[in-house]
Amino acid sequence: MTYQQAIQQACESVGSQAGLAKAIEVAPAIVHQWRSGTRPVPVQHCLAIERATAGTVTRRDLRPDDWQKIWPELAEPTAQEVSHG
């Protein structure tokens, strides 16, 4: 899933583009820029979107190329980490 598809899904989850914008306290034009691919979703809005969609759209969906660098705690533990835990 691309981040544009994730934003589309988030809009549908909360009812509309304007609904998502209101839920995360940004201008609807900003959400439009994310949906169109003009701008990526900034890190500081990802958790709010995840919460607004009740986890339907995750931070991983919104930042598919770098989420593991931003939120390493979301990465699945490796088999070695599990066996030592």
C-alpha atoms as a PDB file:
ATOM      1  CA  MET A   1       0.000   0.000   0.000  1.00  0.00           C
ATOM      2  CA  THR A   2       1.313   3.449  -0.873  1.00  0.00           C
ATOM      3  CA  TYR A   3       0.968   6.297   1.566  1.00  0.00           C
ATOM      4  CA  GLN A   4      -1.540   7.908  -0.820  1.00  0.00           C
ATOM      5  CA  GLN A   5      -3.701   4.772  -0.616  1.00  0.00           C
ATOM      6  CA  ALA A   6      -3.311   4.817   3.161  1.00  0.00           C
ATOM      7  CA  ILE A   7      -4.537   8.416   3.323  1.00  0.00           C
ATOM      8  CA  GLN A   8      -7.471   7.544   1.059  1.00  0.00           C
ATOM      9  CA  GLN A   9      -8.333   4.691   3.421  1.00  0.00           C
ATOM     10  CA  ALA A  10      -8.001   7.021   6.425  1.00  0.00           C
ATOM     11  CA  CYS A  11     -10.388   9.516   4.813  1.00  0.00           C
ATOM     12  CA  GLU A  12     -12.890   6.760   4.169  1.00  0.00           C
ATOM     13  CA  SER A  13     -12.475   5.472   7.720  1.00  0.00           C
ATOM     14  CA  VAL A  14     -13.456   8.807   9.280  1.00  0.00           C
ATOM     15  CA  GLY A  15     -15.969   9.723   6.587  1.00  0.00           C
ATOM     16  CA  SER A  16     -14.211  12.267   4.383  1.00  0.00           C
ATOM     17  CA  GLN A  17     -11.079  14.231   3.667  1.00  0.00           C
ATOM     18  CA  ALA A  18     -12.490  17.119   5.702  1.00  0.00           C
ATOM     19  CA  GLY A  19     -13.318  14.708   8.510  1.00  0.00           C
ATOM     20  CA  LEU A  20      -9.751  13.467   8.673  1.00  0.00           C
ATOM     21  CA  ALA A  21      -8.423  17.008   8.587  1.00  0.00           C
ATOM     22  CA  LYS A  22     -10.682  17.987  11.464  1.00  0.00           C
ATOM     23  CA  ALA A  23      -9.822  14.860  13.465  1.00  0.00           C
ATOM     24  CA  ILE A  24      -6.086  15.564  13.291  1.00  0.00           C
ATOM     25  CA  GLU A  25      -6.385  19.358  13.346  1.00  0.00           C
ATOM     26  CA  VAL A  26      -4.905  20.247   9.957  1.00  0.00           C
ATOM     27  CA  ALA A  27      -6.317  22.111   6.974  1.00  0.00           C
ATOM     28  CA  PRO A  28      -8.206  19.981   4.434  1.00  0.00           C
ATOM     29  CA  ALA A  29      -5.783  21.242   1.778  1.00  0.00           C
ATOM     30  CA  ILE A  30      -2.948  19.495   3.608  1.00  0.00           C
ATOM     31  CA  VAL A  31      -4.809  16.170   3.523  1.00  0.00           C
ATOM     32  CA  HIS A  32      -5.439  16.742  -0.183  1.00  0.00           C
ATOM     33  CA  GLN A  33      -1.698  17.211  -0.746  1.00  0.00           C
ATOM     34  CA  TRP A  34      -1.016  13.911   1.005  1.00  0.00           C
ATOM     35  CA  ARG A  35      -3.690  12.105  -1.031  1.00  0.00           C
ATOM     36  CA  SER A  36      -2.389  13.479  -4.312  1.00  0.00           C
ATOM     37  CA  GLY A  37       1.215  12.608  -3.494  1.00  0.00           C
ATOM     38  CA  THR A  38       2.338  16.236  -3.569  1.00  0.00           C
ATOM     39  CA  ARG A  39       3.687  15.848  -0.037  1.00  0.00           C
ATOM     40  CA  PRO A  40       4.379  12.817   2.121  1.00  0.00           C
ATOM     41  CA  VAL A  41       2.632  12.541   5.457  1.00  0.00           C
ATOM     42  CA  PRO A  42       4.874  14.218   8.056  1.00  0.00           C
ATOM     43  CA  VAL A  43       6.000  12.056  10.936  1.00  0.00           C
ATOM     44  CA  GLN A  44       4.297  14.301  13.487  1.00  0.00           C
ATOM     45  CA  HIS A  45       0.833  13.498  12.037  1.00  0.00           C
ATOM     46  CA  CYS A  46       1.146   9.735  11.670  1.00  0.00           C
ATOM     47  CA  LEU A  47       0.194   8.744  15.202  1.00  0.00           C
ATOM     48  CA  ALA A  48      -2.817  11.092  15.143  1.00  0.00           C
ATOM     49  CA  ILE A  49      -4.025   9.471  11.924  1.00  0.00           C
ATOM     50  CA  GLU A  50      -3.509   6.005  13.386  1.00  0.00           C
ATOM     51  CA  ARG A  51      -5.576   7.009  16.418  1.00  0.00           C
ATOM     52  CA  ALA A  52      -8.275   8.806  14.387  1.00  0.00           C
ATOM     53  CA  THR A  53      -8.778   5.654  12.307  1.00  0.00           C
ATOM     54  CA  ALA A  54      -8.694   3.363  15.360  1.00  0.00           C
ATOM     55  CA  GLY A  55      -5.690   1.581  13.877  1.00  0.00           C
ATOM     56  CA  THR A  56      -7.264   0.930  10.468  1.00  0.00           C
ATOM     57  CA  VAL A  57      -4.422   2.971   8.998  1.00  0.00           C
ATOM     58  CA  THR A  58      -1.129   2.550  10.801  1.00  0.00           C
ATOM     59  CA  ARG A  59       2.108   4.489  10.972  1.00  0.00           C
ATOM     60  CA  ARG A  60       3.637   1.692   8.920  1.00  0.00           C
ATOM     61  CA  ASP A  61       1.065   2.319   6.184  1.00  0.00           C
ATOM     62  CA  LEU A  62       1.721   6.054   6.213  1.00  0.00           C
ATOM     63  CA  ARG A  63       5.532   5.823   6.149  1.00  0.00           C
ATOM     64  CA  PRO A  64       6.223   2.526   4.331  1.00  0.00           C
ATOM     65  CA  ASP A  65       9.818   3.380   3.445  1.00  0.00           C
ATOM     66  CA  ASP A  66      11.112   4.611   6.789  1.00  0.00           C
ATOM     67  CA  TRP A  67       8.747   3.669   9.629  1.00  0.00           C
ATOM     68  CA  GLN A  68      11.259   1.215  11.121  1.00  0.00           C
ATOM     69  CA  LYS A  69      13.818   4.007  11.487  1.00  0.00           C
ATOM     70  CA  ILE A  70      11.302   6.385  13.054  1.00  0.00           C
ATOM     71  CA  TRP A  71       9.490   3.871  15.289  1.00  0.00           C
ATOM     72  CA  PRO A  72      11.871   0.929  15.807  1.00  0.00           C
ATOM     73  CA  GLU A  73       9.690  -0.271  18.678  1.00  0.00           C
ATOM     74  CA  LEU A  74       7.044  -1.270  16.094  1.00  0.00           C
ATOM     75  CA  ALA A  75       9.371  -3.704  14.365  1.00  0.00           C
ATOM     76  CA  GLU A  76       8.679  -7.365  14.915  1.00  0.00           C
ATOM     77  CA  PRO A  77      11.320  -8.924  17.150  1.00  0.00           C
ATOM     78  CA  THR A  78      13.629 -11.323  15.383  1.00  0.00           C
ATOM     79  CA  ALA A  79      13.555 -15.018  16.266  1.00  0.00           C
ATOM     80  CA  GLN A  80      16.813 -14.555  18.170  1.00  0.00           C
ATOM     81  CA  GLU A  81      15.341 -11.705  20.255  1.00  0.00           C
ATOM     82  CA  VAL A  82      12.266 -13.781  21.060  1.00  0.00           C
ATOM     83  CA  SER A  83      14.348 -16.772  22.205  1.00  0.00           C
ATOM     84  CA  HIS A  84      16.442 -14.564  24.505  1.00  0.00           C
ATOM     85  CA  GLY A  85      13.446 -12.661  25.886  1.00  0.00           C
END
